[in-house]
Protein backbone atom coordinates (compact mmCIF):
# COMPACT_ATOMS: atom_id res chain seq x y z
CA MET A 1 7.17 -19.58 14.85
CA GLN A 2 5.46 -17.44 17.45
CA SER A 3 6.59 -14.31 15.65
CA LEU A 4 5.05 -15.76 12.40
CA GLU A 5 1.80 -16.46 14.14
CA LEU A 6 1.77 -12.85 15.56
CA LEU A 7 2.28 -11.45 12.05
CA SER A 8 -0.47 -13.70 10.69
CA LYS A 9 -2.97 -12.49 13.40
CA ILE A 10 -2.01 -8.82 12.68
CA SER A 11 -2.63 -9.48 8.91
CA LEU A 12 -6.01 -10.87 9.77
CA ILE A 13 -6.77 -7.87 11.71
CA THR A 14 -5.98 -5.61 8.73
CA VAL A 15 -8.25 -7.66 6.48
CA LYS A 16 -11.15 -8.36 8.88
CA THR A 17 -11.33 -5.21 10.88
CA HIS A 18 -12.27 -2.18 8.77
CA ASN A 19 -12.44 0.37 11.57
CA PHE A 20 -9.01 2.08 11.92
CA LYS A 21 -9.32 2.73 15.61
CA SER A 22 -10.16 -0.97 16.19
CA GLN A 23 -7.19 -2.07 13.97
CA MET A 24 -4.72 -0.01 16.07
CA ASN A 25 -6.13 -0.94 19.40
CA ASN A 26 -6.17 -4.65 18.43
CA ILE A 27 -2.52 -4.55 17.03
CA LEU A 28 -1.26 -2.78 20.16
CA SER A 29 -3.01 -5.34 22.37
CA LEU A 30 -1.51 -8.31 20.36
CA ILE A 31 2.02 -7.06 20.44
CA GLY A 32 1.73 -6.02 24.02
CA LYS A 33 0.58 -9.50 25.08
CA TYR A 34 3.03 -11.17 22.72
CA SER A 35 6.11 -9.35 24.01
CA ASN A 36 4.63 -9.10 27.58
CA VAL A 37 5.60 -5.48 27.86
CA SER A 38 3.95 -3.02 30.35
CA ARG A 39 2.58 -0.51 27.77
CA THR A 40 2.39 -0.05 23.96
CA TYR A 41 1.30 3.14 22.32
CA ILE A 42 1.23 5.24 19.18
CA PHE A 43 2.06 8.98 19.01
CA ILE A 44 1.21 11.02 15.92
CA ASN A 45 2.69 14.53 15.07
CA ASN A 46 0.78 17.47 13.70
CA GLU A 47 1.33 18.64 10.14
CA ASP A 48 4.20 20.93 10.94
CA ASN A 49 5.81 18.61 13.43
CA THR A 50 5.61 20.82 16.41
CA ILE A 51 3.16 18.99 18.45
CA THR A 52 2.66 15.21 19.14
CA ASN A 53 -0.33 13.40 20.65
CA ASN A 54 -0.65 9.90 22.18
CA GLU A 55 -3.49 8.62 19.86
CA PHE A 56 -3.59 4.96 21.03
CA GLU A 57 -2.53 3.06 24.16
CA TRP A 58 -2.63 -0.53 25.51
CA CYS A 59 -1.56 -1.26 29.08
CA ASN A 60 -0.85 -4.60 30.76
CA THR A 61 -2.44 -5.69 33.98
CA GLY A 62 -1.49 -3.44 36.82
CA ILE A 63 -0.09 -0.71 34.65
CA SER A 64 -1.71 2.73 34.79
CA PRO A 65 -2.62 4.38 31.45
CA VAL A 66 -0.86 7.72 30.70
CA ILE A 67 -2.51 8.59 27.32
CA HIS A 68 -4.39 11.64 28.92
CA PHE A 69 -1.11 13.15 30.04
CA PHE A 70 0.41 13.16 26.56
CA GLN A 71 -1.93 15.34 24.51
CA ASN A 72 -0.56 18.30 22.51
CA ARG A 73 2.87 17.90 23.84
CA ALA A 74 5.43 20.10 22.20
CA LEU A 75 8.31 18.29 20.40
CA SER A 76 10.73 20.90 21.60
CA ASP A 77 10.35 19.22 25.15
CA ILE A 78 12.02 16.08 23.85
CA PRO A 79 14.57 17.22 21.17
CA SER A 80 16.82 14.12 21.64
CA LEU A 81 13.96 11.65 20.66
CA PHE A 82 13.67 12.61 16.94
CA LYS A 83 17.37 13.27 16.63
CA ILE A 84 18.04 9.68 17.62
CA LEU A 85 15.16 8.29 15.58
CA ASN A 86 16.45 10.11 12.49
CA LYS A 87 20.01 9.01 13.00
CA GLU A 88 19.58 5.41 14.38
CA GLY A 89 16.22 4.39 12.96
CA LYS A 90 15.08 3.39 16.54
CA LEU A 91 15.49 4.12 20.21
CA PHE A 92 15.91 1.37 22.58
CA SER A 93 17.20 1.14 26.13
CA THR A 94 17.59 -1.56 28.76
CA ASN A 95 17.96 1.25 31.40
CA ILE A 96 16.61 4.68 30.78
CA GLU A 97 19.11 6.21 33.13
CA ASN A 98 21.54 5.98 30.14
CA LEU A 99 19.30 8.11 28.05
CA PRO A 100 19.63 11.91 27.42
CA GLU A 101 18.21 14.12 30.24
CA ASP A 102 15.18 15.36 28.32
CA LEU A 103 14.13 11.77 27.66
CA TYR A 104 14.97 10.47 31.06
CA LYS A 105 12.76 13.16 32.74
CA ILE A 106 9.77 12.18 30.57
CA PHE A 107 10.20 8.43 30.98
CA ILE A 108 10.97 8.34 34.66
CA SER A 109 7.72 10.16 35.35
CA GLN A 110 5.91 7.09 33.96
CA ASN A 111 8.03 4.61 36.02
CA ILE A 112 9.55 3.29 32.86
CA LYS A 113 12.60 1.17 33.20
CA SER A 114 13.30 -0.03 29.72
CA LEU A 115 11.75 0.78 26.27
CA ILE A 116 11.91 0.57 22.51
CA ILE A 117 10.58 3.25 20.21
CA TYR A 118 10.43 3.01 16.38
CA PRO A 119 9.51 5.88 14.05
CA LEU A 120 6.48 5.83 11.75
CA TYR A 121 7.13 6.88 8.14
CA ILE A 122 4.95 8.28 5.37
CA ASN A 123 6.86 9.04 2.08
CA ASN A 124 10.16 8.66 3.93
CA LYS A 125 9.30 11.25 6.55
CA ILE A 126 8.66 10.65 10.18
CA PHE A 127 5.10 11.52 11.14
CA GLY A 128 5.10 9.85 14.63
CA PHE A 129 6.29 6.83 16.52
CA VAL A 130 5.26 3.56 18.25
CA GLY A 131 6.66 2.61 21.62
CA TYR A 132 6.94 -0.38 23.92
CA ASP A 133 7.52 0.35 27.58
CA GLU A 134 8.75 -2.01 30.42
CA CYS A 135 7.95 -0.58 33.88
CA ILE A 136 8.57 -3.75 36.02
CA VAL A 137 12.29 -4.62 35.26
CA ASN A 138 15.26 -3.53 33.33
CA ARG A 139 14.67 -5.60 30.28
CA ASN A 140 17.34 -6.88 27.93
CA TRP A 141 15.73 -6.69 24.49
CA THR A 142 16.46 -9.60 22.25
CA GLU A 143 17.24 -9.47 18.56
CA GLU A 144 13.93 -11.13 17.99
CA ASP A 145 12.21 -8.37 19.96
CA LEU A 146 13.86 -5.72 17.82
CA ASN A 147 13.07 -7.43 14.53
CA ILE A 148 9.49 -8.23 15.21
CA LEU A 149 8.71 -4.75 16.63
CA ALA A 150 10.50 -3.16 13.64
CA THR A 151 8.36 -5.22 11.20
CA ILE A 152 5.14 -4.28 13.17
CA SER A 153 6.08 -0.63 13.13
CA GLY A 154 6.49 -0.77 9.41
CA ILE A 155 2.99 -2.34 9.10
CA ILE A 156 1.55 0.41 11.29
CA SER A 157 3.09 3.04 9.14
CA ASN A 158 1.58 1.48 5.98
CA LEU A 159 -1.83 1.25 7.72
CA TYR A 160 -1.69 4.91 8.61
CA LYS A 161 -0.73 5.70 5.05
CA ASN A 162 -3.68 3.65 3.80
CA HIS A 163 -5.92 5.34 6.39
CA TYR A 164 -4.91 8.78 5.11
CA TYR A 165 -5.56 7.54 1.56
CA LEU A 166 -9.02 6.31 2.43
CA LYS A 167 -9.74 9.54 4.29
CA LYS A 168 -8.75 11.49 1.19
CA ILE A 169 -11.32 9.42 -0.76
CA GLU A 170 -14.07 10.20 1.89
CA ASP A 171 -13.12 13.85 1.62
CA ASP A 172 -13.38 13.76 -2.14
CA LYS A 173 -16.92 12.40 -1.71
CA HIS A 174 -17.78 15.41 0.63
CA TYR A 175 -16.14 17.67 -2.03
CA PHE A 176 -18.50 16.21 -4.66
CA GLU A 177 -21.50 16.72 -2.37
CA ASN A 178 -20.58 20.33 -1.52
CA PHE A 179 -19.78 20.95 -5.20
CA PHE A 180 -23.04 19.50 -6.39
CA ASN A 181 -24.87 21.81 -3.89
CA THR A 182 -23.43 24.80 -5.63
CA ILE A 183 -24.96 23.72 -8.89
CA THR A 184 -28.42 25.32 -9.75
CA ASP A 185 -29.42 22.42 -12.00
CA TYR A 186 -31.15 19.32 -10.52
CA ILE A 187 -28.70 16.60 -9.68
CA ILE A 188 -30.26 13.28 -8.60
CA ILE A 189 -28.42 9.92 -7.90
CA GLY A 190 -30.37 6.78 -8.04
CA ASN A 191 -29.51 3.17 -7.42
CA MET A 192 -29.77 0.57 -10.01
CA LYS A 193 -33.37 -0.02 -9.10
CA GLY A 194 -34.29 3.64 -9.60
CA LYS A 195 -34.53 4.51 -5.89
CA ILE A 196 -33.32 8.05 -5.13
CA ILE A 197 -30.18 7.89 -2.89
CA TYR A 198 -28.95 11.53 -3.25
CA ALA A 199 -30.32 14.89 -4.38
CA ASN A 200 -28.57 18.20 -4.41
CA LYS A 201 -29.84 21.54 -2.83
CA ALA A 202 -31.38 22.77 -6.08
CA THR A 203 -33.48 19.75 -6.46
CA ILE A 204 -34.86 20.05 -2.84
CA ASP A 205 -35.41 23.75 -3.20
CA LYS A 206 -37.06 23.72 -6.71
CA LEU A 207 -39.19 20.58 -6.32
CA GLY A 208 -40.19 21.51 -2.77
CA TYR A 209 -39.54 18.07 -1.19
CA SER A 210 -37.39 17.56 1.83
CA ILE A 211 -34.43 15.31 1.45
CA ASN A 212 -36.10 12.54 3.55
CA GLU A 213 -39.16 12.70 1.33
CA LEU A 214 -37.00 12.39 -1.77
CA LEU A 215 -35.08 9.37 -0.28
CA ASP A 216 -38.40 7.58 -0.04
CA MET A 217 -39.21 8.09 -3.65
CA ASN A 218 -38.22 6.41 -6.92
CA ILE A 219 -36.87 8.61 -9.76
CA ILE A 220 -40.11 7.76 -11.89
CA GLU A 221 -42.22 9.59 -9.23
CA LEU A 222 -40.59 12.94 -10.11
CA HIS A 223 -42.41 12.86 -13.49
CA PRO A 224 -46.04 13.72 -14.03
CA LYS A 225 -48.33 10.66 -13.40
CA ASN A 226 -49.42 10.64 -17.13
CA LYS A 227 -45.82 10.46 -18.19
CA ARG A 228 -44.53 7.75 -15.74
CA ASP A 229 -45.00 4.88 -18.04
CA GLU A 230 -43.06 6.57 -20.75
CA ALA A 231 -40.38 7.72 -18.11
CA SER A 232 -40.09 4.04 -17.08
CA SER A 233 -39.57 2.95 -20.57
CA ILE A 234 -36.94 5.72 -21.24
CA LEU A 235 -35.17 4.80 -17.96
CA ASN A 236 -34.86 1.17 -18.94
CA GLN A 237 -33.38 2.13 -22.28
CA MET A 238 -30.98 4.36 -20.41
CA PHE A 239 -29.86 1.34 -18.22
CA ILE A 240 -29.03 -0.61 -21.34
CA GLY A 241 -27.35 2.31 -23.02
CA ASP A 242 -29.71 2.70 -25.93
CA ILE A 243 -30.31 6.33 -25.00
CA GLN A 244 -28.65 8.89 -22.89
CA SER A 245 -31.25 11.63 -22.29
CA CYS A 246 -34.85 11.95 -21.14
CA PRO A 247 -36.95 14.93 -22.41
CA LEU A 248 -39.83 14.43 -19.92
CA GLU A 249 -40.81 17.20 -17.52
CA LEU A 250 -40.48 17.03 -13.78
CA ILE A 251 -43.14 17.83 -11.34
CA SER A 252 -42.81 19.57 -7.95
CA LYS A 253 -44.45 18.67 -4.74
CA THR A 254 -47.14 21.46 -5.40
CA ASN A 255 -47.75 19.96 -8.90
CA ILE A 256 -45.82 22.54 -10.91
CA ILE A 257 -44.62 21.17 -14.27
CA ILE A 258 -40.91 22.06 -14.94
CA PRO A 259 -39.60 21.43 -18.48
CA VAL A 260 -36.23 19.83 -18.43
CA GLU A 261 -33.96 17.62 -20.34
CA THR A 262 -32.30 15.02 -18.14
CA ARG A 263 -28.94 13.37 -19.08
CA VAL A 264 -27.54 10.42 -17.18
CA TRP A 265 -24.31 8.56 -16.69
CA PHE A 266 -23.30 5.58 -14.52
CA GLY A 267 -20.70 5.48 -11.79
CA LYS A 268 -20.46 4.73 -8.08
CA TRP A 269 -21.63 6.51 -4.99
CA ASN A 270 -20.79 5.12 -1.56
CA ASN A 271 -19.12 2.34 -3.51
CA GLU A 272 -22.54 1.27 -5.01
CA ASP A 273 -23.33 1.11 -8.79
CA CYS A 274 -25.54 3.95 -9.44
CA ILE A 275 -27.00 6.31 -11.99
CA PHE A 276 -26.23 10.02 -11.93
CA GLY A 277 -28.90 12.32 -13.53
CA ILE A 278 -28.55 15.99 -14.18
CA SER A 279 -31.77 17.83 -15.32
CA LYS A 280 -31.46 21.06 -17.17
CA ASP A 281 -34.08 23.66 -17.20
CA LEU A 282 -34.63 24.24 -20.88
CA SER A 283 -35.22 27.99 -20.41
CA LYS A 284 -31.69 28.38 -19.21
CA GLU A 285 -30.04 25.65 -21.40
CA GLN A 286 -26.89 27.73 -22.11
CA GLU A 287 -26.39 28.46 -18.33
CA ALA A 288 -26.84 24.76 -17.60
CA LEU A 289 -24.34 23.80 -20.26
CA GLN A 290 -21.75 26.10 -18.60
CA LYS A 291 -22.44 24.53 -15.23
CA PHE A 292 -21.85 21.07 -16.67
CA THR A 293 -18.68 22.22 -18.18
CA LYS A 294 -17.56 23.42 -14.81
CA ILE A 295 -18.24 20.01 -13.38
CA PHE A 296 -16.16 18.46 -16.14
CA LYS A 297 -13.36 20.98 -15.80
CA ASN A 298 -13.08 20.95 -11.97
CA ASN A 299 -13.66 17.30 -11.36
CA PRO A 300 -10.68 15.90 -9.30
CA ALA A 301 -10.93 12.72 -11.44
CA LEU A 302 -9.21 12.68 -14.82
CA MET A 303 -11.85 13.13 -17.50
CA ALA A 304 -11.67 13.05 -21.21
CA LEU A 305 -13.96 13.33 -24.21
CA CYS A 306 -13.03 11.62 -27.55
CA ASN A 307 -14.63 11.37 -31.00
CA MET A 308 -15.80 7.68 -31.58
CA ASP A 309 -14.89 7.77 -35.24
CA ASP A 310 -11.28 8.89 -35.13
CA LYS A 311 -10.63 8.44 -31.40
CA LYS A 312 -9.24 11.99 -31.19
CA PHE A 313 -9.40 13.98 -27.96
CA VAL A 314 -11.91 16.86 -28.32
CA ASP A 315 -11.72 17.95 -24.57
CA VAL A 316 -10.02 16.97 -21.29
CA ASN A 317 -10.28 18.47 -17.88
CA THR A 318 -7.70 20.22 -15.69
CA SER A 319 -6.96 17.19 -13.58
CA PHE A 320 -6.07 15.26 -16.78
CA LEU A 321 -3.65 17.98 -17.80
CA ASN A 322 -2.12 18.47 -14.22
CA LYS A 323 -1.73 14.76 -13.59
CA LEU A 324 -0.20 13.78 -16.96
CA GLY A 325 1.84 16.89 -17.43
CA TYR A 326 0.51 18.03 -20.93
CA SER A 327 -0.85 21.41 -22.02
CA TYR A 328 -4.31 21.61 -23.54
CA ASN A 329 -2.93 22.18 -27.09
CA GLU A 330 -0.66 19.15 -26.88
CA VAL A 331 -3.67 16.84 -26.28
CA ILE A 332 -6.61 18.17 -28.33
CA GLY A 333 -6.73 16.69 -31.84
CA LYS A 334 -4.40 13.72 -30.86
CA THR A 335 -5.15 10.23 -30.03
CA SER A 336 -4.00 8.22 -27.08
CA SER A 337 -1.75 6.31 -29.45
CA ASP A 338 -0.22 9.54 -30.71
CA LEU A 339 0.69 10.47 -27.06
CA LYS A 340 1.56 6.87 -26.20
CA LEU A 341 -0.56 7.11 -23.09
CA PHE A 342 -1.03 3.47 -22.48
CA PRO A 343 2.08 1.18 -21.84
CA ASP A 344 -0.21 -1.81 -22.61
CA PRO A 345 -1.84 -0.69 -25.93
CA GLU A 346 -3.46 -4.18 -26.35
CA LYS A 347 -5.30 -3.95 -23.09
CA HIS A 348 -6.43 -0.35 -23.92
CA GLU A 349 -7.66 -1.46 -27.26
CA LYS A 350 -9.75 -4.25 -25.72
CA THR A 351 -11.18 -1.71 -23.20
CA THR A 352 -12.12 0.65 -26.07
CA ASP A 353 -13.80 -2.14 -27.87
CA LYS A 354 -15.76 -3.04 -24.81
CA LEU A 355 -16.83 0.49 -24.34
CA THR A 356 -17.86 0.70 -28.10
CA GLN A 357 -19.83 -2.54 -28.01
CA SER A 358 -21.62 -2.16 -24.60
CA GLY A 359 -21.74 1.64 -24.38
CA GLU A 360 -20.07 1.78 -20.96
CA ILE A 361 -17.11 0.40 -18.87
CA LYS A 362 -16.74 0.28 -15.11
CA ASN A 363 -13.67 0.04 -12.80
CA ILE A 364 -11.07 -1.16 -15.33
CA GLU A 365 -7.49 -0.82 -14.15
CA LEU A 366 -5.07 0.48 -16.82
CA LYS A 367 -1.57 1.87 -16.56
CA VAL A 368 -1.16 5.42 -17.97
CA ARG A 369 2.17 6.94 -19.04
CA CYS A 370 2.72 10.63 -18.11
CA LYS A 371 4.60 13.04 -20.47
CA ASP A 372 7.71 12.57 -18.37
CA ASP A 373 7.34 8.73 -18.74
CA SER A 374 6.37 8.12 -15.15
CA ILE A 375 3.42 5.61 -14.79
CA LEU A 376 0.13 6.01 -13.06
CA TYR A 377 -2.36 3.33 -12.18
CA GLY A 378 -5.86 4.43 -13.17
CA ILE A 379 -9.35 2.98 -12.55
CA PHE A 380 -11.37 3.75 -15.56
CA SER A 381 -15.11 4.06 -16.01
CA GLY A 382 -16.82 5.52 -19.16
CA GLU A 383 -19.74 5.66 -21.43
CA VAL A 384 -20.64 6.55 -25.00
CA ILE A 385 -22.62 9.85 -25.13
CA GLU A 386 -24.30 11.63 -28.01
CA SER A 387 -24.34 15.38 -28.68
CA GLN A 388 -25.82 17.07 -31.84
CA GLY A 389 -25.84 13.71 -33.71
CA LYS A 390 -22.11 12.71 -32.90
CA GLN A 391 -21.08 10.13 -30.53
CA TYR A 392 -18.18 10.52 -28.09
CA TYR A 393 -16.27 8.47 -25.54
CA LEU A 394 -16.64 10.10 -22.08
CA THR A 395 -14.03 8.52 -19.69
CA VAL A 396 -13.23 9.09 -16.08
CA MET A 397 -10.07 7.97 -14.37
CA ILE A 398 -9.51 7.75 -10.70
CA ASP A 399 -5.77 7.87 -9.81
CA ALA A 400 -5.20 4.84 -7.63
CA THR A 401 -1.35 5.04 -7.91
CA GLU A 402 -0.87 5.69 -4.13
CA LYS A 403 -3.19 2.73 -3.29
CA LYS A 404 -1.24 0.55 -5.70
CA ILE A 405 2.11 1.61 -4.09
CA ILE A 406 0.76 0.80 -0.63
CA GLU A 407 -0.19 -2.69 -1.88
CA GLN A 408 3.18 -3.20 -3.44
CA GLN A 409 4.95 -1.96 -0.31
CA LEU A 410 2.94 -4.28 1.86
CA GLU A 411 3.75 -7.15 -0.50
CA GLU A 412 7.45 -6.26 -0.37
CA LEU A 413 7.37 -5.92 3.35
CA SER A 414 6.03 -9.43 3.60
CA ILE A 415 8.90 -11.03 1.80
CA ARG A 416 11.93 -8.93 3.13
CA ASP A 417 13.99 -9.25 6.17
CA SER A 418 13.37 -6.06 8.15
CA LEU A 419 17.04 -5.63 9.23
CA THR A 420 19.07 -6.51 6.10
CA ASN A 421 16.38 -5.93 3.42
CA ILE A 422 17.25 -9.27 1.73
CA TYR A 423 14.65 -12.00 1.34
CA ASN A 424 13.15 -13.59 4.50
CA ARG A 425 13.01 -17.25 5.11
CA ARG A 426 9.33 -17.64 4.20
CA TYR A 427 9.95 -16.18 0.79
CA ILE A 428 13.11 -18.35 0.25
CA PHE A 429 11.03 -21.58 0.99
CA ASN A 430 8.50 -20.46 -1.56
CA VAL A 431 11.17 -19.90 -4.13
CA LEU A 432 12.74 -23.33 -3.34
CA GLU A 433 9.31 -24.95 -3.89
CA ASN A 434 9.37 -23.42 -7.30
CA TYR A 435 12.72 -24.56 -8.17
CA LEU A 436 12.14 -28.06 -6.79
CA ASN A 437 9.17 -28.39 -9.23
CA LYS A 438 11.40 -27.16 -12.12
CA PHE A 439 13.90 -29.91 -11.15
CA ILE A 440 11.31 -32.63 -10.93
CA ASN A 441 9.39 -31.68 -14.09
CA GLY A 442 12.13 -30.14 -16.21
CA ASN A 443 15.56 -31.33 -14.95
CA GLN A 444 16.66 -27.76 -14.00
CA ILE A 445 19.40 -28.18 -11.42
CA PHE A 446 20.24 -25.92 -8.62
CA SER A 447 22.41 -25.65 -5.50
CA ILE A 448 21.78 -24.46 -2.01
CA THR A 449 24.50 -22.70 0.14
CA ILE A 450 23.96 -22.04 3.83
CA LEU A 451 26.59 -19.95 5.48
CA ASP A 452 27.07 -18.75 8.99
CA ILE A 453 29.27 -15.79 10.26
CA ASP A 454 31.91 -17.22 12.57
CA PHE A 455 31.97 -16.08 16.18
CA PHE A 456 29.19 -13.58 15.63
CA LYS A 457 27.95 -14.02 19.27
CA GLU A 458 31.31 -12.65 20.38
CA ILE A 459 30.67 -9.46 18.26
CA ASN A 460 27.28 -9.00 20.00
CA ASP A 461 28.60 -9.68 23.48
CA THR A 462 31.70 -7.49 23.00
CA HIS A 463 30.35 -4.49 21.10
CA GLY A 464 26.47 -4.79 21.51
CA HIS A 465 23.62 -5.52 19.19
CA VAL A 466 23.79 -2.25 17.36
CA ILE A 467 27.30 -3.06 16.13
CA GLY A 468 26.04 -6.55 15.47
CA ASP A 469 23.19 -5.36 13.41
CA TYR A 470 25.47 -3.10 11.44
CA VAL A 471 27.79 -6.05 10.64
CA LEU A 472 24.82 -8.10 9.46
CA ILE A 473 23.80 -5.33 7.14
CA GLU A 474 27.28 -4.68 5.76
CA PHE A 475 28.01 -8.36 5.37
CA THR A 476 24.86 -8.93 3.33
CA LYS A 477 25.75 -5.91 1.21
CA MET A 478 29.16 -7.37 0.50
CA ILE A 479 27.88 -10.89 -0.26
CA SER A 480 25.34 -9.50 -2.69
CA LYS A 481 28.00 -7.60 -4.68
CA PHE A 482 29.54 -11.01 -5.65
CA LEU A 483 26.30 -12.86 -6.58
CA THR A 484 24.97 -13.11 -10.10
CA PRO A 485 21.55 -11.62 -10.92
CA ASN A 486 19.82 -14.94 -10.98
CA GLN A 487 21.06 -16.05 -7.51
CA ILE A 488 18.75 -15.49 -4.53
CA LEU A 489 20.11 -14.36 -1.14
CA GLY A 490 18.07 -14.73 1.97
CA ARG A 491 18.30 -14.58 5.78
CA TYR A 492 17.94 -18.07 7.16
CA GLY A 493 18.01 -16.99 10.73
CA GLY A 494 20.17 -14.92 13.10
CA GLU A 495 23.60 -14.76 11.45
CA GLU A 496 22.90 -17.63 9.04
CA PHE A 497 22.14 -16.90 5.33
CA ILE A 498 20.99 -19.11 2.41
CA ILE A 499 21.90 -18.70 -1.25
CA ILE A 500 19.92 -20.36 -4.01
CA SER A 501 22.03 -20.89 -7.27
CA PRO A 502 19.93 -21.93 -10.28
CA ASP A 503 21.66 -24.10 -13.00
CA GLU A 504 24.70 -24.52 -10.94
CA TYR A 505 26.33 -27.73 -9.30
CA LYS A 506 27.78 -27.59 -5.86
CA LYS A 507 31.30 -27.68 -7.19
CA THR A 508 30.89 -24.52 -9.30
CA THR A 509 29.11 -22.84 -6.39
CA ALA A 510 31.82 -23.81 -3.97
CA THR A 511 34.48 -22.07 -6.10
CA GLN A 512 32.27 -18.89 -6.11
CA ILE A 513 31.70 -19.02 -2.39
CA ASN A 514 35.36 -19.61 -1.67
CA ASN A 515 36.21 -16.52 -3.70
CA ILE A 516 33.63 -14.55 -1.60
CA LEU A 517 35.23 -15.97 1.58
CA ASN A 518 38.64 -14.82 0.48
CA GLU A 519 37.22 -11.28 -0.03
CA ILE A 520 35.49 -11.27 3.26
CA ASN A 521 38.81 -12.35 5.01
CA LYS A 522 40.60 -9.40 3.25
CA THR A 523 38.02 -6.95 4.40
CA THR A 524 38.08 -4.97 7.68
CA PHE A 525 34.65 -3.50 8.70
CA ASN A 526 35.19 -0.17 10.35
CA ILE A 527 32.12 0.78 12.56
CA ASN A 528 32.27 3.83 14.88
CA ASN A 529 36.12 3.31 14.96
CA ILE A 530 35.67 -0.30 15.88
CA ARG A 531 37.58 -2.57 13.42
CA ILE A 532 36.11 -6.03 12.94
CA ASN A 533 37.38 -8.79 10.83
CA LEU A 534 35.01 -11.57 9.67
CA SER A 535 34.98 -15.06 8.34
CA PHE A 536 32.20 -17.49 7.59
CA SER A 537 31.62 -21.23 7.39
CA ALA A 538 29.46 -22.61 4.54
CA GLY A 539 27.94 -25.97 3.48
CA ILE A 540 26.82 -26.56 -0.06
CA SER A 541 24.44 -29.18 -1.57
CA ASP A 542 22.76 -29.63 -4.97
CA THR A 543 20.13 -31.75 -6.74
CA GLU A 544 22.60 -34.14 -8.26
CA PHE A 545 22.65 -36.34 -5.14
CA PHE A 546 18.88 -37.10 -5.33
CA GLU A 547 16.46 -39.08 -7.37
CA LYS A 548 13.48 -37.01 -8.41
CA ASP A 549 11.07 -39.27 -6.43
CA ASN A 550 13.24 -38.94 -3.31
CA ILE A 551 13.93 -35.31 -3.01
CA THR A 552 12.38 -32.71 -0.73
CA ILE A 553 13.43 -29.24 0.35
CA GLU A 554 14.11 -30.42 3.83
CA LYS A 555 16.49 -33.19 2.56
CA ILE A 556 18.56 -30.86 0.45
CA ILE A 557 18.75 -28.20 3.14
CA ASN A 558 19.77 -30.80 5.75
CA ILE A 559 22.74 -31.75 3.70
CA SER A 560 23.77 -28.17 3.41
CA ASP A 561 23.37 -27.83 7.16
CA GLU A 562 25.46 -31.01 7.84
CA ARG A 563 28.20 -29.60 5.65
CA LEU A 564 28.04 -26.31 7.32
CA TYR A 565 28.55 -27.78 10.79
CA LYS A 566 31.30 -29.93 9.38
CA ALA A 567 33.03 -26.73 8.38
CA LYS A 568 32.53 -25.37 11.89
CA ARG A 569 33.76 -28.56 13.49
CA THR A 570 36.91 -28.65 11.52
CA GLY A 571 38.10 -25.10 12.16
CA ARG A 572 35.59 -22.69 10.65
CA ASN A 573 36.46 -20.13 7.90
CA LYS A 574 35.87 -22.74 5.17
CA VAL A 575 33.49 -24.05 2.49
CA VAL A 576 32.45 -27.77 2.59
CA TYR A 577 30.61 -29.32 -0.37
CA LEU A 578 31.74 -32.88 -0.03
CA ASP A 579 31.20 -35.42 2.76
CA ASN A 580 34.65 -36.83 2.83
């Protein structure tokens, strides 16, 4: 329960704390206090994995910080560390004297007696590690220590991945700013009340205002005074989508009238709804058109232009082609239906209808199918634009696939046991709630099996926890092979496992579990030349015993538990599903 409380607190930190450094420091503090270790820390490698840096550190009372000693340290000084992390998935020691010499020298200099180190992964590659030091005593790490610290290491990996993703988004914003500043046309961004929130260098240079002066102004104030009422009316029509361009002149700080045509589109800037305006000097209309085309082609977002009447593509940008894997000629003149771009065509059709009716869409999530049948998750915005009397759909897609994967990984992490990768106890109980409701409301029966590996403590005591962990992993793999697709296997705790069997009475389930037990009895697990034979004891119950108004998850599990312990009391290596 304490470990669940710890994970809950860490989850709250990830939700409520938006500063990445604060997240890391708070998480290290929590795990340090929870496990009562001397020191917790995070090291991150450089891009070519030659240098590592101690980025975060928490120290217990009386423990001296060492973060300043471990900056720009060559990985070649500690070759054994990453060799062990790659091979074993972790490094832990109750006595550092048993570690390789290169590691012993580093750790003894910090007065470390025992430690655990877990690697941090992004895209299945180690990019750093998180460590937990004990400097007071030689500590015997428990299985709970290893499991909870492994889980937290996975969470830290995912937070780093999300941090790098968000940093990329911020870098993209700077890219846009830098890119806009290379454009010689006027680019102005205003909020939905018309207040200027950004202007590019060309606007500042040609209009003669400083950036601070512009940020104090409304877009309307950039037009001559005698045209501002008209400009206000046009801007309102732009907001509701009736028109997309404004032909009114701009006026500089020194009252020079500049003839322009201003076109607008809607989007987000600093995560706020806003209006983007680009004003073209009519004396250089062709040049301005080429610049706009450059923005379209080089935009990192996926952009497309389609005819409204037949919905055929008339132009797409380079990001569109690179991301989806098509050539330009394969797309132009085709519709999204021709290319089967959208796995959910009904949702796409509704989105198109909304764009047609309202003139714009914002932040709509759609799945997109690439040419190679891989799937991207896109966030779509768009608007209807007009050119030379024809109307077009202009759509912009931000690729949110990586963010979606992170969300899915975090969700999967929350329901899986970190060692065996089968479902964890919390998820199993959620599933049981669902099946209990199906039984009460729809008479759908199910049975519950709880099984326990016999004499597992002797394996740990004789061969150590590494071998014990390997046995648990191989045991669950073997059990899984004999289960049907609709059966659900979870880790109940320690060496205890639980199986939910929908639509099965206990007698039928008992036959299956006995067959699995026979297979386990016939199998010898060979681990580093250590041969281990296993058996298990199991107890089974089902819904047949209960009236609907007198059944709870706790009651049905208790019966399985009682029968499990009956199996243990009467000799182990057996399955009990009856009480006599």
